[in-house]
Protein backbone atom coordinates (compact mmCIF):
# COMPACT_ATOMS: atom_id res chain seq x y z
CA MET A 1 21.61 -9.04 -27.12
CA ASP A 2 17.91 -8.28 -26.89
CA LYS A 3 16.16 -6.77 -23.88
CA ASP A 4 14.84 -10.09 -22.59
CA MET A 5 18.30 -11.64 -22.53
CA VAL A 6 19.77 -8.62 -20.73
CA VAL A 7 17.11 -8.92 -18.04
CA VAL A 8 17.71 -12.67 -17.75
CA GLU A 9 21.41 -11.99 -17.18
CA TYR A 10 20.55 -9.49 -14.42
CA LEU A 11 18.31 -12.10 -12.78
CA LYS A 12 21.00 -14.79 -13.04
CA VAL A 13 23.48 -12.53 -11.27
CA TYR A 14 20.93 -11.62 -8.60
CA PHE A 15 19.90 -15.19 -7.83
CA ASN A 16 23.47 -16.47 -7.89
CA SER A 17 24.25 -13.84 -5.27
CA HIS A 18 21.11 -14.59 -3.23
CA PRO A 19 20.29 -18.30 -3.60
CA ASP A 20 18.31 -18.26 -0.34
CA LYS A 21 15.66 -16.02 -2.01
CA VAL A 22 14.57 -18.80 -4.40
CA PRO A 23 11.53 -20.69 -3.03
CA GLU A 24 11.75 -24.47 -2.70
CA ASP A 25 8.42 -25.01 -4.49
CA PRO A 26 9.03 -25.00 -8.29
CA GLU A 27 5.66 -23.35 -9.01
CA LYS A 28 6.32 -20.49 -6.58
CA ALA A 29 9.86 -20.11 -7.91
CA PHE A 30 8.59 -19.91 -11.48
CA GLU A 31 5.99 -17.29 -10.54
CA MET A 32 8.65 -15.29 -8.74
CA PHE A 33 11.00 -15.44 -11.75
CA GLN A 34 8.21 -14.27 -14.06
CA LYS A 35 7.24 -11.41 -11.75
CA MET A 36 10.84 -10.23 -11.35
CA HIS A 37 11.51 -10.55 -15.10
CA LYS A 38 8.51 -8.35 -15.85
CA LYS A 39 9.60 -5.80 -13.23
CA TYR A 40 13.22 -5.58 -14.42
CA LYS A 41 12.19 -5.52 -18.09
CA GLY A 42 9.89 -2.57 -17.42
CA LYS A 43 12.65 -0.72 -15.61
CA PHE A 44 15.16 -1.51 -18.37
CA LEU A 45 12.80 -0.22 -21.06
CA GLU A 46 11.98 2.92 -19.08
CA ASP A 47 15.69 3.71 -18.58
CA PHE A 48 16.39 3.14 -22.27
CA LYS A 49 13.47 5.37 -23.26
CA GLN A 50 14.68 8.19 -20.99
CA LYS A 51 18.22 7.99 -22.32
CA SER A 52 16.96 8.00 -25.92
CA GLU A 53 14.71 11.00 -25.32
CA LYS A 54 17.55 12.86 -23.63
CA PHE A 55 19.87 12.17 -26.58
CA VAL A 56 17.26 13.31 -29.12
CA ASP A 57 16.52 16.46 -27.11
CA GLN A 58 20.22 17.32 -26.99
CA PHE A 59 20.56 16.68 -30.70
CA PHE A 60 17.70 19.01 -31.65
CA ASP A 61 18.75 21.68 -29.16
CA GLY A 62 22.13 21.88 -30.86
CA LYS A 63 24.08 20.51 -27.89
CA GLY A 64 24.81 17.30 -29.78
CA SER A 65 26.29 19.06 -32.78
CA LYS A 66 29.03 16.48 -33.22
CA TYR A 67 26.36 14.10 -34.59
CA ARG A 68 25.22 16.44 -37.38
């Protein structure tokens, strides 16, 4: 699953749990979905980047020796 689909799944769960947060106007709802998708995608990518950097740092410091 690519990053966009993961974020879409997060948004589906969120809006199924909070249907009252979706505006009645389709244009406003679409703008809100786009804004939230961009926000969650940025957070998802930042978390993935931090985890990757942490793994690489552990590998080169010798703490991840089981992967050598």
